[in-house]
Each structure stands twice: as C-alpha cells, then as structure tokens.
Amino acid sequence: YTAGELPVSYRSEVLRREPVEVGGDRLASFVVRTTGDTGGAHPGTRTDTFWWSPRFALPLRWSIDMDIRGTVSLDTISELQLESVTPVT
C-alpha cells in the first residue's frame, strides 16, 4: 500500500505457540512476527513481534524494532508487557 507518497509493504508469519506469564497466570499465545519496509523519502524497516492471545483478543507482549532514514531519522526499540488481564475500575 502507500501512505501518502511512501510505498509500504508488510509480511506476517505465525512463528509458534508460546505461553506468556501475565499477573501470575500462564496464558496461551501465538508468536507472530510482522516485518514492514518503507520506501521513498523515508526508507526503513519495522519489525514487530507480538504474543497474541486468542482468548483475550489482544497482545500479551509486544516487541518493536524500527529503523527509518531519509529526511527524518527514527530508531525505536520497544518492549511492552501486559501486567494484568483484569480491567481497572
């Protein structure tokens, strides 16, 4: 697809099943890796790996590694971990 004038392509693959500990519980998840390439004025790559819970329909853990260059540079490495599946009221 294109985002404005930037060409973007994504590839995703399910790597494996792996439990993730959240709030003291081991929850079933699928590990999915998505790699995106951006061209044009902002060439770069973004790789997301996330542990998807079919039961809760949300990521339990998420890793992002992004390197964008061109007229603007952006390097990001993020690690996100869900602390609880219980809603806060």
C-alpha atoms as a PDB file:
ATOM      1  CA  TYR A   1       0.000   0.000   0.000  1.00  0.00           C
ATOM      2  CA  THR A   2       1.033   3.649   0.027  1.00  0.00           C
ATOM      3  CA  ALA A   3       0.967   6.124   2.893  1.00  0.00           C
ATOM      4  CA  GLY A   4       0.785   9.402   1.002  1.00  0.00           C
ATOM      5  CA  GLU A   5       3.751   9.115  -1.371  1.00  0.00           C
ATOM      6  CA  LEU A   6       5.549   6.389   0.618  1.00  0.00           C
ATOM      7  CA  PRO A   7       5.385   2.786  -0.599  1.00  0.00           C
ATOM      8  CA  VAL A   8       4.945   0.326   2.288  1.00  0.00           C
ATOM      9  CA  SER A   9       4.956  -3.477   2.262  1.00  0.00           C
ATOM     10  CA  TYR A  10       4.283  -5.854   5.175  1.00  0.00           C
ATOM     11  CA  ARG A  11       4.828  -9.573   5.683  1.00  0.00           C
ATOM     12  CA  SER A  12       3.499 -11.522   8.657  1.00  0.00           C
ATOM     13  CA  GLU A  13       4.062 -15.053   9.842  1.00  0.00           C
ATOM     14  CA  VAL A  14       2.975 -17.100  12.844  1.00  0.00           C
ATOM     15  CA  LEU A  15       6.182 -18.486  14.356  1.00  0.00           C
ATOM     16  CA  ARG A  16       4.982 -20.757  17.159  1.00  0.00           C
ATOM     17  CA  ARG A  17       2.722 -21.183  20.192  1.00  0.00           C
ATOM     18  CA  GLU A  18       4.205 -19.954  23.463  1.00  0.00           C
ATOM     19  CA  PRO A  19       2.712 -19.258  26.908  1.00  0.00           C
ATOM     20  CA  VAL A  20       3.196 -15.806  28.440  1.00  0.00           C
ATOM     21  CA  GLU A  21       3.030 -15.072  32.167  1.00  0.00           C
ATOM     22  CA  VAL A  22       0.594 -12.265  32.941  1.00  0.00           C
ATOM     23  CA  GLY A  23      -0.398 -11.425  36.503  1.00  0.00           C
ATOM     24  CA  GLY A  24       0.903 -14.774  37.774  1.00  0.00           C
ATOM     25  CA  ASP A  25      -1.008 -16.816  35.167  1.00  0.00           C
ATOM     26  CA  ARG A  26       0.489 -18.597  32.153  1.00  0.00           C
ATOM     27  CA  LEU A  27      -1.656 -17.672  29.163  1.00  0.00           C
ATOM     28  CA  ALA A  28      -1.584 -19.372  25.766  1.00  0.00           C
ATOM     29  CA  SER A  29      -0.446 -17.234  22.851  1.00  0.00           C
ATOM     30  CA  PHE A  30       0.704 -17.337  19.240  1.00  0.00           C
ATOM     31  CA  VAL A  31       4.008 -15.606  18.480  1.00  0.00           C
ATOM     32  CA  VAL A  32       3.597 -13.517  15.321  1.00  0.00           C
ATOM     33  CA  ARG A  33       6.318 -11.575  13.506  1.00  0.00           C
ATOM     34  CA  THR A  34       5.457  -8.758  11.102  1.00  0.00           C
ATOM     35  CA  THR A  35       8.129  -7.021   9.026  1.00  0.00           C
ATOM     36  CA  GLY A  36       7.389  -3.796   7.190  1.00  0.00           C
ATOM     37  CA  ASP A  37       9.526  -1.986   4.635  1.00  0.00           C
ATOM     38  CA  THR A  38       9.029   1.677   3.771  1.00  0.00           C
ATOM     39  CA  GLY A  39      10.488   3.315   0.667  1.00  0.00           C
ATOM     40  CA  GLY A  40      10.539   6.765  -0.850  1.00  0.00           C
ATOM     41  CA  ALA A  41      11.751   9.736   1.195  1.00  0.00           C
ATOM     42  CA  HIS A  42      11.699   7.687   4.440  1.00  0.00           C
ATOM     43  CA  PRO A  43      13.194   4.256   3.689  1.00  0.00           C
ATOM     44  CA  GLY A  44      13.413   1.835   6.552  1.00  0.00           C
ATOM     45  CA  THR A  45      12.271  -1.304   8.289  1.00  0.00           C
ATOM     46  CA  ARG A  46       9.961  -2.058  11.200  1.00  0.00           C
ATOM     47  CA  THR A  47       9.776  -5.492  12.813  1.00  0.00           C
ATOM     48  CA  ASP A  48       7.027  -6.247  15.314  1.00  0.00           C
ATOM     49  CA  THR A  49       6.957  -9.497  17.277  1.00  0.00           C
ATOM     50  CA  PHE A  50       3.883  -9.998  19.387  1.00  0.00           C
ATOM     51  CA  TRP A  51       2.428 -12.739  21.549  1.00  0.00           C
ATOM     52  CA  TRP A  52      -1.260 -12.800  20.577  1.00  0.00           C
ATOM     53  CA  SER A  53      -3.880 -14.193  22.963  1.00  0.00           C
ATOM     54  CA  PRO A  54      -6.851 -15.659  21.074  1.00  0.00           C
ATOM     55  CA  ARG A  55      -8.729 -15.882  24.399  1.00  0.00           C
ATOM     56  CA  PHE A  56      -8.469 -12.145  25.151  1.00  0.00           C
ATOM     57  CA  ALA A  57      -8.056 -10.941  21.534  1.00  0.00           C
ATOM     58  CA  LEU A  58      -5.075  -8.743  22.433  1.00  0.00           C
ATOM     59  CA  PRO A  59      -1.290  -8.857  22.583  1.00  0.00           C
ATOM     60  CA  LEU A  60       0.169 -10.079  25.875  1.00  0.00           C
ATOM     61  CA  ARG A  61       3.668  -8.975  24.933  1.00  0.00           C
ATOM     62  CA  TRP A  62       4.980  -6.832  22.058  1.00  0.00           C
ATOM     63  CA  SER A  63       8.467  -6.090  20.766  1.00  0.00           C
ATOM     64  CA  ILE A  64       9.111  -3.321  18.196  1.00  0.00           C
ATOM     65  CA  ASP A  65      12.369  -2.637  16.352  1.00  0.00           C
ATOM     66  CA  MET A  66      12.176   0.247  13.863  1.00  0.00           C
ATOM     67  CA  ASP A  67      14.871   1.990  11.814  1.00  0.00           C
ATOM     68  CA  ILE A  68      13.694   4.771   9.459  1.00  0.00           C
ATOM     69  CA  ARG A  69      16.056   7.020   7.492  1.00  0.00           C
ATOM     70  CA  GLY A  70      15.819   9.794   4.912  1.00  0.00           C
ATOM     71  CA  THR A  71      14.759  13.375   5.561  1.00  0.00           C
ATOM     72  CA  VAL A  72      13.784  12.237   9.068  1.00  0.00           C
ATOM     73  CA  SER A  73      15.518   9.520  11.118  1.00  0.00           C
ATOM     74  CA  LEU A  74      13.775   7.398  13.722  1.00  0.00           C
ATOM     75  CA  ASP A  75      15.262   4.494  15.683  1.00  0.00           C
ATOM     76  CA  THR A  76      12.935   2.753  18.107  1.00  0.00           C
ATOM     77  CA  ILE A  77      13.335  -0.360  20.220  1.00  0.00           C
ATOM     78  CA  SER A  78      10.358  -1.059  22.490  1.00  0.00           C
ATOM     79  CA  GLU A  79       9.378  -3.937  24.754  1.00  0.00           C
ATOM     80  CA  LEU A  80       5.815  -3.967  26.061  1.00  0.00           C
ATOM     81  CA  GLN A  81       4.392  -6.487  28.554  1.00  0.00           C
ATOM     82  CA  LEU A  82       0.783  -6.711  29.719  1.00  0.00           C
ATOM     83  CA  GLU A  83       0.625  -6.668  33.531  1.00  0.00           C
ATOM     84  CA  SER A  84      -2.939  -7.903  34.002  1.00  0.00           C
ATOM     85  CA  VAL A  85      -5.964  -9.033  32.029  1.00  0.00           C
ATOM     86  CA  THR A  86      -8.262  -7.736  34.779  1.00  0.00           C
ATOM     87  CA  PRO A  87      -9.841  -4.370  33.902  1.00  0.00           C
ATOM     88  CA  VAL A  88      -9.010  -1.492  36.255  1.00  0.00           C
ATOM     89  CA  THR A  89     -12.111   0.261  37.573  1.00  0.00           C
END
